Protein backbone atom coordinates (compact mmCIF):
# COMPACT_ATOMS: atom_id res chain seq x y z
CA TYR A 1 -203.56 42.17 -7.19
CA PRO A 2 -201.73 43.01 -5.05
CA ASN A 3 -198.50 41.57 -6.33
CA PRO A 4 -196.44 40.89 -4.22
CA SER A 5 -199.14 39.65 -1.86
CA ASN A 6 -199.31 38.68 1.80
CA GLY A 7 -201.56 35.76 0.82
CA ASN A 8 -204.76 37.71 0.12
CA VAL A 9 -205.16 37.97 -3.65
CA THR A 10 -207.96 39.46 -5.75
CA ILE A 11 -208.43 38.11 -9.26
CA VAL A 12 -210.40 40.18 -11.75
CA VAL A 13 -211.52 38.62 -15.03
CA GLY A 14 -212.87 41.01 -17.65
CA LEU A 15 -215.36 38.50 -19.06
CA ILE A 16 -216.15 34.99 -17.94
CA LYS A 17 -216.08 32.70 -20.96
CA GLY A 18 -216.75 28.99 -20.61
CA ASN A 19 -215.61 27.53 -17.29
CA PRO A 20 -212.50 29.49 -16.27
CA VAL A 21 -210.00 27.75 -14.02
CA LEU A 22 -206.86 29.29 -12.51
CA TYR A 23 -203.86 26.97 -12.28
CA PHE A 24 -200.88 27.84 -10.05
CA TYR A 25 -197.40 26.38 -10.62
CA ASP A 26 -194.27 26.60 -8.48
CA VAL A 27 -190.87 27.61 -9.89
CA LEU A 28 -190.19 23.95 -10.73
CA GLY A 29 -193.29 23.87 -12.96
CA GLN A 30 -195.31 21.61 -10.68
CA GLN A 31 -199.01 22.38 -10.36
CA VAL A 32 -199.70 23.38 -6.75
CA GLU A 33 -203.24 24.79 -6.72
CA ILE A 34 -206.39 24.90 -8.86
CA LEU A 35 -209.12 27.50 -8.41
CA LYS A 36 -212.43 27.60 -10.30
CA ILE A 37 -213.43 31.16 -11.18
CA ASN A 38 -217.17 31.76 -10.83
CA ASN A 39 -217.33 35.57 -10.65
CA VAL A 40 -215.75 38.48 -12.48
CA GLN A 41 -213.92 39.30 -9.21
CA THR A 42 -212.69 36.57 -6.87
CA THR A 43 -210.72 37.06 -3.65
CA ILE A 44 -208.48 34.40 -2.14
CA LYS A 45 -208.06 35.09 1.57
CA GLN A 46 -204.82 33.76 3.08
CA GLY A 47 -204.57 31.07 0.45
CA THR A 48 -202.81 27.78 1.00
CA LEU A 49 -199.74 28.82 -0.98
CA PRO A 50 -196.66 29.40 1.18
CA SER A 51 -194.28 32.29 0.55
CA GLY A 52 -192.61 32.06 -2.84
CA ILE A 53 -192.88 32.80 -6.55
CA TYR A 54 -195.70 31.22 -8.52
CA PHE A 55 -196.80 31.24 -12.12
CA TYR A 56 -200.44 31.08 -13.08
CA ARG A 57 -202.53 30.29 -16.14
CA LEU A 58 -206.17 31.21 -16.53
CA MET A 59 -207.80 28.66 -18.82
CA ASN A 60 -211.34 28.06 -20.00
CA ASP A 61 -212.65 24.96 -21.72
CA SER A 62 -210.53 25.38 -24.85
CA GLU A 63 -208.07 28.27 -24.57
CA MET A 64 -205.67 30.17 -22.34
CA LEU A 65 -207.18 33.49 -21.24
CA GLY A 66 -204.15 34.84 -19.42
CA SER A 67 -200.97 34.07 -17.52
CA GLY A 68 -198.50 35.72 -15.23
CA ARG A 69 -196.42 35.59 -12.08
CA LEU A 70 -197.47 36.01 -8.45
CA ILE A 71 -195.21 36.60 -5.46
CA ILE A 72 -196.44 35.59 -2.00
CA GLN A 73 -194.69 37.15 1.02
CA LYS A 74 -196.22 36.08 4.32
């Protein structure tokens, strides 16, 4: 949250299992960013993603924990 975002995004994971990693993809399906999640709550401040629509997948070592869409409006 928030979504849409101005570039500052807070990610809250209910329970950290394994080694969670957040993958961001652009609308063409190309991976554009990878973020290791080390805490239950992680904040990205003015991330490197330009304005646009992105899809994300939260994965641990062996399974997908969640997915969704993020809109960045800078």
